Amino acid sequence: MPKSQVRKKKVYTPPSDVRPTTDAATRGKPSPIWLPITAVTLIVFGIAWLVVYYLSGTAYPVASWQYWNLAVGFGSMVASLILLSRWR
């Protein structure tokens, strides 16, 4: 039995005015080394702050701040997420 012809599809190439450029200027520089180190430090600090706050029965780290201790713990973790969103 004769074999049917195989059709080859043409590879789609977008027009040059729509095509993204891949030069080094558009990719940007890699992140500095301090960025992931600072982000991980902030995450650990925030978790440690909250753990100490709850385990001490809300007496430590700063008793006069009351529930603002939660804001410090969660705020440091949110700051680390903001830093990690800038990481390349």
C-alpha atoms as a PDB file:
ATOM      1  CA  MET A   1       0.000   0.000   0.000  1.00  0.00           C
ATOM      2  CA  PRO A   2       1.419   3.423  -0.873  1.00  0.00           C
ATOM      3  CA  LYS A   3       2.366   5.682   2.012  1.00  0.00           C
ATOM      4  CA  SER A   4       0.622   9.057   2.296  1.00  0.00           C
ATOM      5  CA  GLN A   5       2.666  12.207   2.138  1.00  0.00           C
ATOM      6  CA  VAL A   6       3.643  13.823   5.410  1.00  0.00           C
ATOM      7  CA  ARG A   7       2.735  17.475   5.578  1.00  0.00           C
ATOM      8  CA  LYS A   8       5.242  19.715   7.223  1.00  0.00           C
ATOM      9  CA  LYS A   9       3.977  22.723   9.101  1.00  0.00           C
ATOM     10  CA  LYS A  10       5.828  25.965   8.788  1.00  0.00           C
ATOM     11  CA  VAL A  11       7.292  27.304  12.004  1.00  0.00           C
ATOM     12  CA  TYR A  12       5.436  30.407  13.094  1.00  0.00           C
ATOM     13  CA  THR A  13       7.582  33.477  13.480  1.00  0.00           C
ATOM     14  CA  PRO A  14       5.876  36.606  14.770  1.00  0.00           C
ATOM     15  CA  PRO A  15       6.392  39.899  12.950  1.00  0.00           C
ATOM     16  CA  SER A  16       9.531  41.779  13.906  1.00  0.00           C
ATOM     17  CA  ASP A  17       7.625  44.706  15.423  1.00  0.00           C
ATOM     18  CA  VAL A  18       5.833  42.357  17.868  1.00  0.00           C
ATOM     19  CA  ARG A  19       8.727  40.008  18.592  1.00  0.00           C
ATOM     20  CA  PRO A  20      10.271  40.486  22.060  1.00  0.00           C
ATOM     21  CA  THR A  21      13.917  41.342  22.209  1.00  0.00           C
ATOM     22  CA  THR A  22      16.266  39.104  24.161  1.00  0.00           C
ATOM     23  CA  ASP A  23      19.294  41.302  24.598  1.00  0.00           C
ATOM     24  CA  ALA A  24      21.018  41.733  27.937  1.00  0.00           C
ATOM     25  CA  ALA A  25      19.471  45.153  28.598  1.00  0.00           C
ATOM     26  CA  THR A  26      15.933  43.781  28.801  1.00  0.00           C
ATOM     27  CA  ARG A  27      16.825  40.893  31.083  1.00  0.00           C
ATOM     28  CA  GLY A  28      18.369  43.119  33.741  1.00  0.00           C
ATOM     29  CA  LYS A  29      21.149  42.531  36.182  1.00  0.00           C
ATOM     30  CA  PRO A  30      21.145  39.629  38.602  1.00  0.00           C
ATOM     31  CA  SER A  31      20.156  40.410  42.167  1.00  0.00           C
ATOM     32  CA  PRO A  32      22.781  41.405  44.712  1.00  0.00           C
ATOM     33  CA  ILE A  33      23.810  38.723  47.184  1.00  0.00           C
ATOM     34  CA  TRP A  34      22.363  40.609  50.165  1.00  0.00           C
ATOM     35  CA  LEU A  35      18.792  40.393  48.856  1.00  0.00           C
ATOM     36  CA  PRO A  36      18.028  36.686  49.501  1.00  0.00           C
ATOM     37  CA  ILE A  37      20.052  36.752  52.720  1.00  0.00           C
ATOM     38  CA  THR A  38      18.039  39.701  54.038  1.00  0.00           C
ATOM     39  CA  ALA A  39      14.748  38.135  52.948  1.00  0.00           C
ATOM     40  CA  VAL A  40      15.462  34.848  54.719  1.00  0.00           C
ATOM     41  CA  THR A  41      16.632  36.734  57.806  1.00  0.00           C
ATOM     42  CA  LEU A  42      13.377  38.724  57.879  1.00  0.00           C
ATOM     43  CA  ILE A  43      11.287  35.560  57.560  1.00  0.00           C
ATOM     44  CA  VAL A  44      13.153  33.860  60.413  1.00  0.00           C
ATOM     45  CA  PHE A  45      12.972  37.025  62.535  1.00  0.00           C
ATOM     46  CA  GLY A  46       9.218  37.376  61.992  1.00  0.00           C
ATOM     47  CA  ILE A  47       8.501  33.753  62.834  1.00  0.00           C
ATOM     48  CA  ALA A  48      10.736  33.893  65.906  1.00  0.00           C
ATOM     49  CA  TRP A  49       9.053  37.125  67.066  1.00  0.00           C
ATOM     50  CA  LEU A  50       5.590  35.562  66.794  1.00  0.00           C
ATOM     51  CA  VAL A  51       6.638  32.313  68.482  1.00  0.00           C
ATOM     52  CA  VAL A  52       8.169  34.189  71.425  1.00  0.00           C
ATOM     53  CA  TYR A  53       5.076  36.393  71.655  1.00  0.00           C
ATOM     54  CA  TYR A  54       2.676  33.458  71.840  1.00  0.00           C
ATOM     55  CA  LEU A  55       4.802  31.174  74.017  1.00  0.00           C
ATOM     56  CA  SER A  56       5.391  33.916  76.581  1.00  0.00           C
ATOM     57  CA  GLY A  57       1.679  34.519  77.002  1.00  0.00           C
ATOM     58  CA  THR A  58       1.914  37.936  75.297  1.00  0.00           C
ATOM     59  CA  ALA A  59       4.460  39.186  77.868  1.00  0.00           C
ATOM     60  CA  TYR A  60       7.493  39.278  75.568  1.00  0.00           C
ATOM     61  CA  PRO A  61       9.149  40.626  73.270  1.00  0.00           C
ATOM     62  CA  VAL A  62       7.629  44.030  74.161  1.00  0.00           C
ATOM     63  CA  ALA A  63       4.747  43.836  76.645  1.00  0.00           C
ATOM     64  CA  SER A  64       3.617  47.442  76.211  1.00  0.00           C
ATOM     65  CA  TRP A  65       3.032  46.960  72.470  1.00  0.00           C
ATOM     66  CA  GLN A  66       0.304  44.364  73.105  1.00  0.00           C
ATOM     67  CA  TYR A  67      -1.104  43.296  69.727  1.00  0.00           C
ATOM     68  CA  TRP A  68       1.348  45.451  67.769  1.00  0.00           C
ATOM     69  CA  ASN A  69       3.769  42.565  68.323  1.00  0.00           C
ATOM     70  CA  LEU A  70       1.724  40.696  65.727  1.00  0.00           C
ATOM     71  CA  ALA A  71       2.185  43.579  63.306  1.00  0.00           C
ATOM     72  CA  VAL A  72       5.958  43.442  63.820  1.00  0.00           C
ATOM     73  CA  GLY A  73       6.094  39.695  63.171  1.00  0.00           C
ATOM     74  CA  PHE A  74       3.803  39.671  60.163  1.00  0.00           C
ATOM     75  CA  GLY A  75       5.248  42.948  58.864  1.00  0.00           C
ATOM     76  CA  SER A  76       8.740  41.510  58.728  1.00  0.00           C
ATOM     77  CA  MET A  77       7.448  38.479  56.829  1.00  0.00           C
ATOM     78  CA  VAL A  78       5.594  40.690  54.353  1.00  0.00           C
ATOM     79  CA  ALA A  79       8.743  42.775  53.891  1.00  0.00           C
ATOM     80  CA  SER A  80      10.653  39.603  53.073  1.00  0.00           C
ATOM     81  CA  LEU A  81       8.042  38.654  50.473  1.00  0.00           C
ATOM     82  CA  ILE A  82       8.410  42.084  48.878  1.00  0.00           C
ATOM     83  CA  LEU A  83      12.174  41.591  48.738  1.00  0.00           C
ATOM     84  CA  LEU A  84      11.801  38.125  47.255  1.00  0.00           C
ATOM     85  CA  SER A  85       9.554  39.480  44.521  1.00  0.00           C
ATOM     86  CA  ARG A  86      12.527  41.570  43.339  1.00  0.00           C
ATOM     87  CA  TRP A  87      14.882  38.572  43.252  1.00  0.00           C
ATOM     88  CA  ARG A  88      16.166  37.562  39.801  1.00  0.00           C
END
